[in-house]
């Protein structure tokens, strides 16, 4: 009786431990998160505020008058 219960419990744990395919899902979620972060950074960099700030820094750096 005890041996059969042990075998049943062991079999159930092996089914639970089976993580086949988990790495594929993890890579897919990581790729999706990286693409979303890249899209957000692209929108921030191409926004008017950032472009204006960069142009201002470059203009100040290239002008001969110190500010």
N, C-alpha and C. Protein backbone atom coordinates (compact mmCIF):
# COMPACT_ATOMS: atom_id res chain seq x y z
N UNK A 1 0.82 -1.19 0.00
CA UNK A 1 0.00 0.00 0.00
C UNK A 1 0.86 1.26 0.00
N UNK A 2 1.86 1.30 0.89
CA UNK A 2 2.73 2.46 0.99
C UNK A 2 3.57 2.63 -0.27
N UNK A 3 4.01 1.52 -0.84
CA UNK A 3 4.81 1.57 -2.06
C UNK A 3 4.00 2.14 -3.21
N UNK A 4 2.73 1.74 -3.30
CA UNK A 4 1.87 2.24 -4.37
C UNK A 4 1.60 3.74 -4.20
N UNK A 5 1.41 4.19 -2.97
CA UNK A 5 1.19 5.61 -2.71
C UNK A 5 2.45 6.41 -3.03
N UNK A 6 3.61 5.85 -2.69
CA UNK A 6 4.88 6.51 -3.01
C UNK A 6 5.06 6.63 -4.52
N UNK A 7 4.77 5.55 -5.24
CA UNK A 7 4.90 5.56 -6.69
C UNK A 7 3.94 6.57 -7.31
N UNK A 8 2.73 6.64 -6.79
CA UNK A 8 1.75 7.60 -7.30
C UNK A 8 2.21 9.04 -7.04
N UNK A 9 2.72 9.30 -5.84
CA UNK A 9 3.20 10.65 -5.50
C UNK A 9 4.40 11.02 -6.36
N UNK A 10 5.31 10.09 -6.56
CA UNK A 10 6.48 10.34 -7.39
C UNK A 10 6.07 10.65 -8.83
N UNK A 11 5.13 9.89 -9.35
CA UNK A 11 4.65 10.13 -10.71
C UNK A 11 4.01 11.50 -10.84
N UNK A 12 3.23 11.91 -9.84
CA UNK A 12 2.58 13.23 -9.87
C UNK A 12 3.62 14.35 -9.81
N UNK A 13 4.66 14.18 -9.00
CA UNK A 13 5.70 15.20 -8.91
C UNK A 13 6.47 15.33 -10.22
N UNK A 14 6.69 14.22 -10.91
CA UNK A 14 7.38 14.28 -12.18
C UNK A 14 6.55 15.02 -13.21
N UNK A 15 5.25 14.89 -13.18
CA UNK A 15 4.38 15.62 -14.09
C UNK A 15 4.44 17.11 -13.78
N UNK A 16 4.44 17.45 -12.50
CA UNK A 16 4.50 18.85 -12.10
C UNK A 16 5.84 19.46 -12.46
N UNK A 17 6.92 18.71 -12.29
CA UNK A 17 8.27 19.21 -12.57
C UNK A 17 8.55 19.35 -14.05
N UNK A 18 7.76 18.76 -14.89
CA UNK A 18 8.00 18.80 -16.33
C UNK A 18 7.84 20.24 -16.82
N UNK A 19 8.96 20.87 -17.16
CA UNK A 19 8.95 22.25 -17.62
C UNK A 19 9.27 22.34 -19.10
N UNK A 20 8.98 21.33 -19.83
CA UNK A 20 9.28 21.32 -21.25
C UNK A 20 8.53 22.45 -21.94
N UNK A 21 9.25 23.26 -22.69
CA UNK A 21 8.64 24.38 -23.40
C UNK A 21 8.69 25.69 -22.64
N UNK A 22 9.08 25.67 -21.38
CA UNK A 22 9.12 26.90 -20.60
C UNK A 22 10.19 27.85 -21.11
N UNK A 23 11.32 27.33 -21.56
CA UNK A 23 12.38 28.22 -22.02
C UNK A 23 11.94 28.97 -23.27
N UNK A 24 11.16 28.35 -24.12
CA UNK A 24 10.67 29.02 -25.31
C UNK A 24 9.76 30.18 -24.94
N UNK A 25 8.88 29.98 -23.98
CA UNK A 25 8.00 31.05 -23.52
C UNK A 25 8.81 32.16 -22.88
N UNK A 26 9.82 31.81 -22.10
CA UNK A 26 10.64 32.83 -21.45
C UNK A 26 11.39 33.66 -22.49
N UNK A 27 11.93 33.03 -23.52
CA UNK A 27 12.61 33.77 -24.56
C UNK A 27 11.64 34.67 -25.32
N UNK A 28 10.45 34.18 -25.57
CA UNK A 28 9.45 34.98 -26.28
C UNK A 28 9.05 36.20 -25.45
N UNK A 29 8.83 36.01 -24.16
CA UNK A 29 8.46 37.14 -23.30
C UNK A 29 9.61 38.13 -23.18
N UNK A 30 10.83 37.64 -23.09
CA UNK A 30 12.00 38.52 -23.03
C UNK A 30 12.17 39.32 -24.31
N UNK A 31 11.95 38.68 -25.44
CA UNK A 31 12.03 39.38 -26.73
C UNK A 31 10.94 40.43 -26.85
N UNK A 32 9.75 40.10 -26.40
CA UNK A 32 8.64 41.05 -26.44
C UNK A 32 8.93 42.25 -25.54
N UNK A 33 9.46 42.00 -24.36
CA UNK A 33 9.80 43.10 -23.44
C UNK A 33 10.90 43.97 -24.02
N UNK A 34 11.90 43.37 -24.65
CA UNK A 34 12.98 44.15 -25.26
C UNK A 34 12.47 45.00 -26.41
N UNK A 35 11.57 44.45 -27.22
CA UNK A 35 11.00 45.21 -28.33
C UNK A 35 10.15 46.37 -27.81
N UNK A 36 9.39 46.14 -26.75
CA UNK A 36 8.58 47.22 -26.17
C UNK A 36 9.46 48.32 -25.61
N UNK A 37 10.54 47.96 -24.93
CA UNK A 37 11.46 48.96 -24.40
C UNK A 37 12.12 49.74 -25.52
N UNK A 38 12.51 49.07 -26.59
CA UNK A 38 13.10 49.75 -27.74
C UNK A 38 12.12 50.73 -28.36
N UNK A 39 10.85 50.35 -28.46
CA UNK A 39 9.84 51.25 -29.02
C UNK A 39 9.65 52.49 -28.15
N UNK A 40 9.63 52.30 -26.84
CA UNK A 40 9.48 53.44 -25.92
C UNK A 40 10.68 54.37 -26.03
N UNK A 41 11.88 53.81 -26.04
CA UNK A 41 13.08 54.64 -26.16
C UNK A 41 13.12 55.37 -27.49
N UNK A 42 12.69 54.73 -28.55
CA UNK A 42 12.64 55.37 -29.87
C UNK A 42 11.70 56.57 -29.85
N UNK A 43 10.53 56.40 -29.22
CA UNK A 43 9.57 57.51 -29.16
C UNK A 43 10.11 58.65 -28.30
N UNK A 44 10.81 58.33 -27.22
CA UNK A 44 11.36 59.38 -26.36
C UNK A 44 12.46 60.14 -27.08
N UNK A 45 13.35 59.44 -27.73
CA UNK A 45 14.46 60.09 -28.42
C UNK A 45 13.97 60.94 -29.58
N UNK A 46 12.97 60.48 -30.31
CA UNK A 46 12.47 61.24 -31.45
C UNK A 46 11.42 62.27 -31.07
N UNK A 47 11.15 62.43 -29.79
CA UNK A 47 10.20 63.45 -29.34
C UNK A 47 10.77 64.84 -29.52
N UNK A 48 9.91 65.83 -29.62
CA UNK A 48 10.35 67.20 -29.86
C UNK A 48 11.22 67.74 -28.74
N UNK A 49 10.93 67.41 -27.51
CA UNK A 49 11.71 67.91 -26.38
C UNK A 49 13.15 67.45 -26.41
N UNK A 50 13.37 66.20 -26.71
CA UNK A 50 14.72 65.66 -26.74
C UNK A 50 15.49 66.22 -27.92
N UNK A 51 14.85 66.28 -29.08
CA UNK A 51 15.51 66.81 -30.27
C UNK A 51 15.89 68.27 -30.05
N UNK A 52 14.99 69.06 -29.46
CA UNK A 52 15.28 70.46 -29.19
C UNK A 52 16.43 70.60 -28.20
N UNK A 53 16.45 69.78 -27.18
CA UNK A 53 17.53 69.84 -26.19
C UNK A 53 18.88 69.49 -26.82
N UNK A 54 18.90 68.47 -27.66
CA UNK A 54 20.15 68.08 -28.32
C UNK A 54 20.61 69.18 -29.27
N UNK A 55 19.68 69.76 -30.02
CA UNK A 55 20.04 70.86 -30.92
C UNK A 55 20.58 72.05 -30.14
N UNK A 56 19.98 72.34 -29.00
CA UNK A 56 20.47 73.44 -28.17
C UNK A 56 21.87 73.19 -27.65
N UNK A 57 22.13 71.97 -27.22
CA UNK A 57 23.46 71.62 -26.72
C UNK A 57 24.50 71.74 -27.83
N UNK A 58 24.16 71.25 -29.00
CA UNK A 58 25.10 71.31 -30.13
C UNK A 58 25.32 72.76 -30.55
N UNK A 59 24.26 73.55 -30.60
CA UNK A 59 24.39 74.96 -30.99
C UNK A 59 25.25 75.71 -29.98
N UNK A 60 25.04 75.49 -28.70
CA UNK A 60 25.86 76.13 -27.68
C UNK A 60 27.32 75.68 -27.77
N UNK A 61 27.54 74.42 -28.06
CA UNK A 61 28.91 73.91 -28.15
C UNK A 61 29.65 74.47 -29.35
N UNK A 62 28.92 74.70 -30.44
CA UNK A 62 29.57 75.20 -31.66
C UNK A 62 29.69 76.71 -31.71
N UNK A 63 28.95 77.40 -30.87
CA UNK A 63 29.06 78.87 -30.87
C UNK A 63 30.33 79.27 -30.12
N UNK A 64 30.86 80.41 -30.52
CA UNK A 64 32.11 80.87 -29.92
C UNK A 64 31.88 81.66 -28.64
N UNK A 65 30.66 82.01 -28.34
CA UNK A 65 30.39 82.79 -27.14
C UNK A 65 30.02 81.86 -26.00
N UNK A 66 30.73 81.95 -24.89
CA UNK A 66 30.34 81.10 -23.76
C UNK A 66 29.05 81.60 -23.14
N UNK A 67 28.26 80.68 -22.63
CA UNK A 67 26.98 81.09 -22.06
C UNK A 67 27.02 81.27 -20.57
